[in-house]
Amino acid sequence: METGRRRAAGGQHLKMEEIQNMYARMGIDREVYTYGESVLKGLKERFEEIDEIAEYNQLKVISAMQDCRVSEACLSGTTGYGYNDLGRDTLEAVYAKVFRTEDALVRPQITCGTHALALALMSNLRPGDELLSPVGKPYDTLEEVIGIRPSKGSLAEYGITYRQAELKADGSFDYEAIRAAMSPRTRLVTIQRSKGYQTRPTFSVGQIGELISFVKQIRPDVICMVDNCYGEFVERIEPGEVGADMVVGSLIKNPGGGLAPIGGYIAGTKECVENAAFRLTSPGLGREVGASLGVLKDFYQGLFLAPTVTASALKAAIFAANLYERLGYAVIPDGSESRHDIIQAVTFGTPEAVIAFCQGIQAAAPVDSHVTPQPWDMPGYDAKVIMAAGAFVSGSSIELSADGPIKPPYAVYFQGGLTWPHAKHGIMKSLQSLVNSGIVEKGRLRL
């Protein structure tokens, strides 16, 4: 019996040695590997909590699919006008149930998250209305949609004005400033859940609910829209359950589960969703047209996988936060904070470190690992941006990816990971790249 135990222990030790040797073959030094493993030892309970949320959300998705009677026929697509598309219409009913809203629009014709947000805004605002952001500056690509930076077709060109209320120094809502910013012309309040290229906290669904309640007490008729990108399935509840009139996101982020090749969604009240459908296609046509082509199976299966894929991305974010926090870098959220999106910000303070980090993430990719990313002038941004994303779906940020603008405070934004083992390798590779560049000395890994 004792001999058998020794053999079992020896076999387990051999397996661990094999894993370490595999990391070494993939360019990870022993010091980097050992440091990463030491960080992971303290994260077991956090990971168990994430798995519990994933289990709950997985059951929620399955329940919605069963209630909507998803069938094999739903997985086939239509062409041409797309009339009577059973799979498309059923999928939208599933999304409405998952996000606890009256209705939903889920279409491959929505090209990205920015397009989904622009569609939601342009379809529910009219000339003379005012848009209010109570959470400060919006994400960079929305500046041109709104008209903060002049652009053809912006809301400003249609006579829709914009105001914003800044957050307090601690990142919380400034309710008095929000009250002062609201006017009789305020028609829609846009709440960006995630941080974008900022170093503020991400808002929990509970915080968003409190903000919506405050706005509705002042003006019950104001539409409250939540940019839910990167936040889906991170918590047990979604913004539609706390009063949001519209919840908007991209399918090549969390809800697509890494399988959706394109698409976006708008879930919300029937009126808001109907307005969006008529703007997406044409007055008089609305949601009745829009062929699903061959993507429905990927949309359904991606949504089915989304809770566990999001869990992997969350584990990656927590691992990265703890790994870099111990090295002395400012991280948001910090290593112990609760999580409300999958994005991890790390402030390095130098452009060289941002570039080295992203190049390490790229080197860990299953696709284009041999490519070396460099900063470039990307449409919609006011500074050069570096992006690392060796993805199966181009630009998919639920897959292992990192990006950041090359401007102060020189922070990088890490997100995604379809599987935890790949995400873990990517984070190790990012640190290895910093070590190889001389930015992080190996002696610091012995802390």
Protein backbone atom coordinates (compact mmCIF):
# COMPACT_ATOMS: atom_id res chain seq x y z
CA MET A 1 0.00 0.00 0.00
CA GLU A 2 2.77 2.43 0.97
CA THR A 3 4.66 1.62 -2.22
CA GLY A 4 1.52 2.37 -4.23
CA ARG A 5 1.17 5.76 -2.55
CA ARG A 6 4.80 6.58 -3.33
CA ARG A 7 4.26 5.62 -6.96
CA ALA A 8 1.12 7.79 -7.13
CA ALA A 9 2.96 10.72 -5.57
CA GLY A 10 5.91 10.16 -7.87
CA GLY A 11 3.63 10.06 -10.89
CA GLN A 12 1.97 13.33 -9.86
CA HIS A 13 5.38 14.93 -9.35
CA LEU A 14 6.44 13.73 -12.78
CA LYS A 15 3.33 15.31 -14.35
CA MET A 16 4.09 18.66 -12.73
CA GLU A 17 7.65 18.42 -13.98
CA GLU A 18 6.36 17.69 -17.47
CA ILE A 19 4.17 20.80 -17.38
CA GLN A 20 7.09 22.92 -16.24
CA ASN A 21 9.25 21.48 -19.01
CA MET A 22 6.50 22.29 -21.51
CA TYR A 23 6.45 25.91 -20.33
CA ALA A 24 10.24 25.97 -20.70
CA ARG A 25 9.97 24.71 -24.29
CA MET A 26 7.55 27.54 -24.96
CA GLY A 27 9.99 30.16 -23.73
CA ILE A 28 9.05 30.58 -20.07
CA ASP A 29 12.06 30.74 -17.73
CA ARG A 30 11.99 28.71 -14.53
CA GLU A 31 11.98 31.91 -12.43
CA VAL A 32 8.94 33.27 -14.25
CA TYR A 33 7.11 29.94 -13.99
CA THR A 34 7.88 29.58 -10.26
CA TYR A 35 6.78 33.15 -9.57
CA GLY A 36 3.49 32.60 -11.41
CA GLU A 37 2.78 29.40 -9.51
CA SER A 38 3.44 31.14 -6.19
CA VAL A 39 0.87 33.81 -7.10
CA LEU A 40 -1.71 31.16 -8.05
CA LYS A 41 -1.50 29.43 -4.68
CA GLY A 42 -3.46 32.23 -3.05
CA LEU A 43 -6.27 32.35 -5.63
CA LYS A 44 -8.06 29.03 -5.07
CA GLU A 45 -11.05 30.49 -3.20
CA ARG A 46 -11.48 33.32 -5.73
CA PHE A 47 -11.51 30.81 -8.56
CA GLU A 48 -14.10 28.66 -6.77
CA GLU A 49 -16.40 31.71 -6.48
CA ILE A 50 -16.04 32.36 -10.20
CA ASP A 51 -16.94 28.75 -10.97
CA GLU A 52 -20.09 29.08 -8.85
CA ILE A 53 -21.22 32.15 -10.80
CA ALA A 54 -20.44 30.35 -14.07
CA GLU A 55 -22.55 27.39 -12.98
CA TYR A 56 -25.50 29.65 -12.13
CA ASN A 57 -25.25 31.54 -15.42
CA GLN A 58 -24.84 28.31 -17.40
CA LEU A 59 -28.11 27.04 -15.96
CA LYS A 60 -29.73 30.40 -16.77
CA VAL A 61 -28.72 30.10 -20.43
CA ILE A 62 -29.84 26.47 -20.69
CA SER A 63 -33.18 27.35 -19.08
CA ALA A 64 -33.74 30.18 -21.57
CA MET A 65 -32.94 27.90 -24.52
CA GLN A 66 -35.29 25.22 -23.26
CA ASP A 67 -38.10 27.69 -22.49
CA CYS A 68 -37.82 29.10 -26.02
CA ARG A 69 -37.85 25.59 -27.50
CA VAL A 70 -34.60 25.89 -29.40
CA SER A 71 -34.57 23.12 -31.99
CA GLU A 72 -32.25 21.81 -34.67
CA ALA A 73 -34.19 23.86 -37.21
CA CYS A 74 -33.09 27.02 -35.37
CA LEU A 75 -29.45 26.36 -36.27
CA SER A 76 -30.03 26.81 -40.02
CA GLY A 77 -29.79 30.23 -41.61
CA THR A 78 -31.75 32.14 -44.21
CA THR A 79 -30.66 34.14 -47.25
CA GLY A 80 -32.09 37.06 -49.17
CA TYR A 81 -34.60 39.10 -47.20
CA GLY A 82 -34.57 36.71 -44.27
CA TYR A 83 -38.36 36.59 -43.86
CA ASN A 84 -39.68 34.13 -41.26
CA ASP A 85 -36.23 33.27 -39.91
CA LEU A 86 -37.13 30.88 -37.09
CA GLY A 87 -33.60 30.61 -35.72
CA ARG A 88 -33.01 34.38 -35.68
CA ASP A 89 -36.33 35.15 -34.00
CA THR A 90 -35.91 32.37 -31.44
CA LEU A 91 -32.38 33.52 -30.61
CA GLU A 92 -33.68 37.01 -29.88
CA ALA A 93 -36.28 35.52 -27.54
CA VAL A 94 -33.49 33.60 -25.79
CA TYR A 95 -31.44 36.78 -25.33
CA ALA A 96 -34.46 38.59 -23.88
CA LYS A 97 -34.91 35.79 -21.33
CA VAL A 98 -31.20 35.62 -20.46
CA PHE A 99 -30.93 39.39 -19.99
CA ARG A 100 -34.36 39.66 -18.34
CA THR A 101 -35.72 42.24 -20.79
CA GLU A 102 -38.93 42.60 -22.78
CA ASP A 103 -37.26 42.16 -26.15
CA ALA A 104 -33.91 41.85 -27.92
CA LEU A 105 -32.31 42.47 -31.29
CA VAL A 106 -29.41 40.10 -32.09
CA ARG A 107 -28.03 40.45 -35.59
CA PRO A 108 -24.92 39.74 -37.65
CA GLN A 109 -25.67 43.03 -39.44
CA ILE A 110 -24.51 44.81 -36.25
CA THR A 111 -20.81 44.91 -37.00
CA CYS A 112 -19.27 45.64 -33.57
CA GLY A 113 -19.89 47.05 -30.11
CA THR A 114 -19.51 50.66 -31.24
CA HIS A 115 -22.04 50.03 -34.02
CA ALA A 116 -24.50 48.52 -31.52
CA LEU A 117 -24.16 51.55 -29.25
CA ALA A 118 -24.45 54.01 -32.14
CA LEU A 119 -27.55 52.15 -33.36
CA ALA A 120 -29.17 52.26 -29.91
CA LEU A 121 -28.46 55.98 -29.56
CA MET A 122 -29.41 57.10 -33.06
CA SER A 123 -32.66 55.13 -33.04
CA ASN A 124 -33.89 56.48 -29.71
CA LEU A 125 -32.77 60.12 -29.90
CA ARG A 126 -34.29 62.84 -32.05
CA PRO A 127 -33.12 66.34 -33.09
CA GLY A 128 -33.35 68.67 -30.10
CA ASP A 129 -32.78 65.86 -27.57
CA GLU A 130 -29.81 65.79 -25.24
CA LEU A 131 -27.63 62.81 -24.34
CA LEU A 132 -26.13 62.67 -20.85
CA SER A 133 -23.22 60.56 -19.60
CA PRO A 134 -23.26 60.50 -15.79
CA VAL A 135 -19.99 58.54 -15.67
CA GLY A 136 -17.61 61.03 -17.28
CA LYS A 137 -15.87 60.66 -20.62
CA PRO A 138 -17.16 57.88 -22.88
CA TYR A 139 -15.03 55.26 -24.61
CA ASP A 140 -12.81 56.73 -27.33
CA THR A 141 -14.72 55.37 -30.34
CA LEU A 142 -17.99 56.90 -29.06
CA GLU A 143 -16.53 60.41 -29.18
CA GLU A 144 -17.06 60.52 -32.94
CA VAL A 145 -20.49 58.91 -32.67
CA ILE A 146 -21.57 61.65 -30.27
CA GLY A 147 -19.68 64.42 -32.07
CA ILE A 148 -17.25 65.33 -29.29
CA ARG A 149 -14.71 64.87 -32.06
CA PRO A 150 -16.34 65.97 -35.32
CA SER A 151 -17.25 63.12 -37.63
CA LYS A 152 -19.66 62.60 -40.51
CA GLY A 153 -23.05 61.33 -39.38
CA SER A 154 -22.51 62.08 -35.67
CA LEU A 155 -25.35 62.83 -33.29
CA ALA A 156 -24.20 66.45 -33.23
CA GLU A 157 -24.85 66.76 -36.97
CA TYR A 158 -28.47 65.88 -36.28
CA GLY A 159 -28.89 68.52 -33.59
CA ILE A 160 -28.53 66.16 -30.63
CA THR A 161 -26.49 67.76 -27.87
CA TYR A 162 -24.34 66.11 -25.24
CA ARG A 163 -23.42 66.73 -21.61
CA GLN A 164 -21.47 64.73 -19.06
CA ALA A 165 -21.13 64.67 -15.29
CA GLU A 166 -17.68 63.78 -14.02
CA LEU A 167 -17.13 61.03 -11.49
CA LYS A 168 -15.80 61.87 -8.06
CA ALA A 169 -12.09 61.46 -7.38
CA ASP A 170 -12.71 57.97 -5.94
CA GLY A 171 -14.55 56.88 -9.09
CA SER A 172 -18.03 57.00 -7.57
CA PHE A 173 -21.08 58.79 -8.99
CA ASP A 174 -21.44 62.51 -8.26
CA TYR A 175 -25.20 62.58 -7.80
CA GLU A 176 -25.42 66.32 -7.32
CA ALA A 177 -23.48 66.93 -10.53
CA ILE A 178 -25.77 64.48 -12.34
CA ARG A 179 -28.86 66.29 -11.05
CA ALA A 180 -27.45 69.62 -12.19
CA ALA A 181 -26.56 68.22 -15.63
CA MET A 182 -30.06 66.93 -16.34
CA SER A 183 -32.37 69.28 -18.20
CA PRO A 184 -35.84 69.17 -19.78
CA ARG A 185 -34.07 68.18 -23.03
CA THR A 186 -32.33 65.16 -21.48
CA ARG A 187 -33.76 62.17 -23.31
CA LEU A 188 -31.23 59.39 -22.81
CA VAL A 189 -28.63 58.60 -20.16
CA THR A 190 -25.75 56.37 -21.28
CA ILE A 191 -23.92 54.39 -18.60
CA GLN A 192 -20.64 52.79 -19.60
CA ARG A 193 -20.17 49.84 -17.27
CA SER A 194 -16.56 49.05 -18.08
CA LYS A 195 -13.62 51.43 -17.82
CA GLY A 196 -12.51 51.68 -21.44
CA TYR A 197 -9.09 53.31 -21.72
CA GLN A 198 -9.43 54.85 -18.28
CA THR A 199 -8.19 53.92 -14.83
CA ARG A 200 -11.51 54.25 -13.04
CA PRO A 201 -13.36 51.35 -11.40
CA THR A 202 -15.86 49.28 -13.36
CA PHE A 203 -19.41 49.58 -12.03
CA SER A 204 -21.27 46.65 -10.54
CA VAL A 205 -24.82 45.87 -11.61
CA GLY A 206 -25.92 46.97 -8.14
CA GLN A 207 -24.25 50.37 -8.53
CA ILE A 208 -25.79 50.78 -11.97
CA GLY A 209 -29.20 49.99 -10.49
CA GLU A 210 -28.77 52.72 -7.87
CA LEU A 211 -27.82 55.23 -10.57
CA ILE A 212 -30.79 54.28 -12.75
CA SER A 213 -33.13 54.61 -9.77
CA PHE A 214 -31.74 58.10 -9.05
CA VAL A 215 -32.24 59.19 -12.68
CA LYS A 216 -35.77 57.77 -12.83
CA GLN A 217 -36.77 59.58 -9.64
CA ILE A 218 -35.90 62.87 -11.32
CA ARG A 219 -37.21 62.01 -14.79
CA PRO A 220 -39.14 58.72 -15.13
CA ASP A 221 -39.37 59.21 -18.91
CA VAL A 222 -35.60 59.29 -19.50
CA ILE A 223 -34.18 56.22 -21.28
CA CYS A 224 -31.32 54.57 -19.35
CA MET A 225 -28.91 52.66 -21.60
CA VAL A 226 -26.06 50.50 -20.31
CA ASP A 227 -22.99 49.76 -22.39
CA ASN A 228 -22.58 46.20 -21.15
CA CYS A 229 -19.47 45.33 -23.19
CA TYR A 230 -17.10 43.05 -21.22
CA GLY A 231 -19.62 42.70 -18.37
CA GLU A 232 -21.94 39.92 -19.49
CA PHE A 233 -22.02 36.83 -17.21
CA VAL A 234 -19.47 38.28 -14.80
CA GLU A 235 -22.20 38.57 -12.15
CA ARG A 236 -25.36 36.60 -11.51
CA ILE A 237 -27.58 39.45 -12.69
CA GLU A 238 -27.52 41.79 -15.69
CA PRO A 239 -28.43 45.50 -15.96
CA GLY A 240 -31.86 44.73 -17.38
CA GLU A 241 -32.79 43.35 -13.96
CA VAL A 242 -32.12 46.69 -12.24
CA GLY A 243 -34.12 48.97 -14.51
CA ALA A 244 -32.03 49.51 -17.65
CA ASP A 245 -34.19 50.35 -20.66
CA MET A 246 -31.46 49.14 -23.03
CA VAL A 247 -28.50 46.82 -22.52
CA VAL A 248 -26.05 46.84 -25.40
CA GLY A 249 -23.02 44.74 -26.31
CA SER A 250 -20.90 42.94 -28.89
CA LEU A 251 -21.01 39.26 -29.77
CA ILE A 252 -17.25 39.08 -30.29
CA LYS A 253 -16.91 39.80 -26.59
CA ASN A 254 -18.44 37.80 -23.71
CA PRO A 255 -21.83 36.62 -25.05
CA GLY A 256 -20.42 35.19 -28.28
CA GLY A 257 -18.30 32.73 -26.32
CA GLY A 258 -15.47 33.00 -28.85
CA LEU A 259 -17.55 31.37 -31.60
CA ALA A 260 -19.65 34.25 -32.91
CA PRO A 261 -17.77 35.62 -35.94
CA ILE A 262 -19.55 39.01 -35.89
CA GLY A 263 -22.62 40.63 -34.39
CA GLY A 264 -24.09 42.69 -31.61
CA TYR A 265 -27.18 42.82 -29.44
CA ILE A 266 -29.58 45.36 -27.99
CA ALA A 267 -31.83 44.01 -25.24
CA GLY A 268 -34.43 46.19 -23.58
CA THR A 269 -37.97 47.52 -23.71
CA LYS A 270 -40.08 46.66 -26.72
CA GLU A 271 -40.18 50.29 -27.83
CA CYS A 272 -36.42 50.83 -27.63
CA VAL A 273 -35.67 47.57 -29.43
CA GLU A 274 -38.29 48.25 -32.11
CA ASN A 275 -36.78 51.70 -32.72
CA ALA A 276 -33.36 50.09 -33.12
CA ALA A 277 -34.71 47.50 -35.57
CA PHE A 278 -36.22 50.18 -37.83
CA ARG A 279 -32.97 52.14 -37.76
CA LEU A 280 -30.90 49.02 -38.52
CA THR A 281 -32.89 48.14 -41.63
CA SER A 282 -35.52 50.59 -42.87
CA PRO A 283 -38.76 52.27 -41.78
CA GLY A 284 -41.57 49.87 -42.62
CA LEU A 285 -39.29 46.82 -42.56
CA GLY A 286 -37.69 46.73 -39.11
CA ARG A 287 -36.85 43.34 -37.67
CA GLU A 288 -38.78 41.38 -40.30
CA VAL A 289 -35.77 41.42 -42.65
CA GLY A 290 -32.12 40.57 -42.18
CA ALA A 291 -30.91 37.16 -43.26
CA SER A 292 -28.93 35.19 -40.69
CA LEU A 293 -26.90 33.43 -43.39
CA GLY A 294 -24.77 30.67 -41.82
CA VAL A 295 -23.96 32.12 -38.38
CA LEU A 296 -26.84 30.98 -36.19
CA LYS A 297 -25.22 27.80 -34.93
CA ASP A 298 -22.18 29.80 -33.82
CA PHE A 299 -24.43 32.38 -32.15
CA TYR A 300 -26.34 29.73 -30.20
CA GLN A 301 -23.33 27.62 -29.28
CA GLY A 302 -21.29 30.71 -28.40
CA LEU A 303 -24.01 31.89 -26.02
CA PHE A 304 -24.17 28.39 -24.53
CA LEU A 305 -20.41 28.46 -23.83
CA ALA A 306 -20.30 32.12 -22.76
CA PRO A 307 -20.64 31.62 -18.97
CA THR A 308 -17.66 29.24 -18.74
CA VAL A 309 -15.59 31.21 -21.26
CA THR A 310 -16.23 34.37 -19.25
CA ALA A 311 -15.14 32.50 -16.12
CA SER A 312 -11.81 31.66 -17.76
CA ALA A 313 -11.32 35.31 -18.69
CA LEU A 314 -12.13 36.38 -15.12
CA LYS A 315 -9.57 33.98 -13.70
CA ALA A 316 -7.02 35.41 -16.12
CA ALA A 317 -7.77 38.97 -15.01
CA ILE A 318 -7.41 38.09 -11.33
CA PHE A 319 -4.18 36.20 -11.96
CA ALA A 320 -2.74 39.14 -13.93
CA ALA A 321 -3.77 41.62 -11.23
CA ASN A 322 -2.08 39.67 -8.46
CA LEU A 323 1.01 38.86 -10.51
CA TYR A 324 1.71 42.48 -11.49
CA GLU A 325 0.54 44.02 -8.22
CA ARG A 326 3.18 42.02 -6.34
CA LEU A 327 5.79 43.51 -8.68
CA GLY A 328 4.75 47.01 -7.61
CA TYR A 329 2.63 48.08 -10.58
CA ALA A 330 -0.68 49.88 -10.15
CA VAL A 331 -3.52 47.60 -11.22
CA ILE A 332 -7.25 48.27 -11.59
CA PRO A 333 -9.07 46.40 -10.19
CA ASP A 334 -6.53 45.44 -7.54
CA GLY A 335 -5.77 41.84 -6.67
CA SER A 336 -8.51 41.49 -4.06
CA GLU A 337 -11.39 43.61 -5.40
CA SER A 338 -14.67 42.15 -6.61
CA ARG A 339 -14.95 41.91 -10.41
CA HIS A 340 -17.60 43.44 -12.65
CA ASP A 341 -15.97 43.02 -16.07
CA ILE A 342 -13.18 40.95 -17.62
CA ILE A 343 -10.75 43.83 -18.21
CA GLN A 344 -7.55 44.18 -16.20
CA ALA A 345 -5.67 47.47 -16.38
CA VAL A 346 -1.97 47.59 -15.50
CA THR A 347 -0.22 50.96 -15.42
CA PHE A 348 3.43 50.62 -16.41
CA GLY A 349 4.35 54.28 -16.82
CA THR A 350 6.45 53.79 -19.97
CA PRO A 351 5.55 53.06 -23.59
CA GLU A 352 8.27 50.39 -23.76
CA ALA A 353 6.59 48.33 -21.06
CA VAL A 354 3.16 48.58 -22.71
CA ILE A 355 4.65 47.41 -26.00
CA ALA A 356 6.61 44.56 -24.38
CA PHE A 357 3.49 43.34 -22.53
CA CYS A 358 1.41 43.27 -25.72
CA GLN A 359 4.17 41.54 -27.65
CA GLY A 360 4.25 38.83 -24.98
CA ILE A 361 0.48 38.29 -25.28
CA GLN A 362 0.79 38.05 -29.06
CA ALA A 363 3.60 35.49 -28.75
CA ALA A 364 1.26 33.27 -26.70
CA ALA A 365 -1.49 33.25 -29.33
CA PRO A 366 -2.59 30.18 -31.31
CA VAL A 367 -2.91 32.36 -34.43
CA ASP A 368 -0.21 34.79 -35.65
CA SER A 369 2.10 34.10 -32.72
CA HIS A 370 5.01 34.89 -35.03
CA VAL A 371 3.75 38.45 -35.62
CA THR A 372 5.21 41.34 -33.59
CA PRO A 373 2.55 44.01 -32.86
CA GLN A 374 3.53 47.67 -33.09
CA PRO A 375 1.65 50.89 -32.22
CA TRP A 376 -0.34 52.37 -35.11
CA ASP A 377 -2.88 55.08 -35.92
CA MET A 378 -6.15 53.22 -35.45
CA PRO A 379 -9.49 54.71 -36.64
CA GLY A 380 -11.52 56.23 -33.79
CA TYR A 381 -8.61 56.90 -31.43
CA ASP A 382 -6.68 60.11 -30.70
CA ALA A 383 -3.28 58.42 -30.12
CA LYS A 384 -1.37 55.48 -31.51
CA VAL A 385 -2.70 52.18 -30.18
CA ILE A 386 -0.99 48.81 -29.85
CA MET A 387 -3.14 45.72 -30.02
CA ALA A 388 -2.26 42.09 -29.44
CA ALA A 389 -4.87 39.60 -30.57
CA GLY A 390 -3.86 36.38 -32.24
CA ALA A 391 -7.47 35.29 -32.46
CA PHE A 392 -9.63 32.85 -34.39
CA VAL A 393 -12.12 35.72 -34.84
CA SER A 394 -10.39 38.92 -35.92
CA GLY A 395 -10.56 41.53 -33.17
CA SER A 396 -12.34 39.24 -30.71
CA SER A 397 -11.61 40.52 -27.23
CA ILE A 398 -13.13 37.56 -25.42
CA GLU A 399 -10.12 35.73 -26.82
CA LEU A 400 -6.74 36.37 -25.22
CA SER A 401 -5.90 39.96 -26.10
CA ALA A 402 -4.32 43.16 -24.83
CA ASP A 403 -4.21 46.71 -26.04
CA GLY A 404 -3.50 50.24 -24.94
CA PRO A 405 -3.01 53.78 -26.22
CA ILE A 406 0.57 54.99 -26.36
CA LYS A 407 0.01 57.99 -24.14
CA PRO A 408 0.28 58.75 -20.38
CA PRO A 409 -0.19 57.06 -17.99
CA TYR A 410 0.94 54.24 -20.33
CA ALA A 411 -1.51 51.62 -19.12
CA VAL A 412 -2.27 48.33 -20.84
CA TYR A 413 -5.69 46.68 -20.86
CA PHE A 414 -5.73 42.90 -20.79
CA GLN A 415 -8.83 40.80 -21.37
CA GLY A 416 -10.14 37.48 -22.51
CA GLY A 417 -9.05 33.88 -22.64
CA LEU A 418 -11.29 31.16 -24.06
CA THR A 419 -9.67 28.65 -21.72
CA TRP A 420 -7.92 29.20 -18.43
CA PRO A 421 -4.75 27.25 -19.38
CA HIS A 422 -4.23 29.42 -22.46
CA ALA A 423 -4.89 32.62 -20.50
CA LYS A 424 -2.43 31.54 -17.82
CA HIS A 425 0.23 30.90 -20.46
CA GLY A 426 -0.45 34.31 -22.01
CA ILE A 427 0.05 36.15 -18.74
CA MET A 428 3.26 34.23 -18.08
CA LYS A 429 4.40 35.12 -21.59
CA SER A 430 3.68 38.82 -21.01
CA LEU A 431 5.89 38.78 -17.92
CA GLN A 432 8.57 36.86 -19.79
CA SER A 433 8.56 39.55 -22.48
CA LEU A 434 9.10 42.24 -19.83
CA VAL A 435 11.95 40.19 -18.37
CA ASN A 436 13.52 39.68 -21.79
CA SER A 437 13.29 43.42 -22.45
CA GLY A 438 15.11 44.22 -19.20
CA ILE A 439 12.08 46.08 -17.81
CA VAL A 440 11.54 43.53 -15.02
CA GLU A 441 14.65 42.11 -13.41
CA LYS A 442 14.55 38.43 -12.42
CA GLY A 443 15.52 39.37 -8.87
CA ARG A 444 12.11 40.99 -8.43
CA LEU A 445 10.43 37.64 -9.04
CA ARG A 446 11.80 36.30 -5.76
CA LEU A 447 9.67 38.65 -3.64
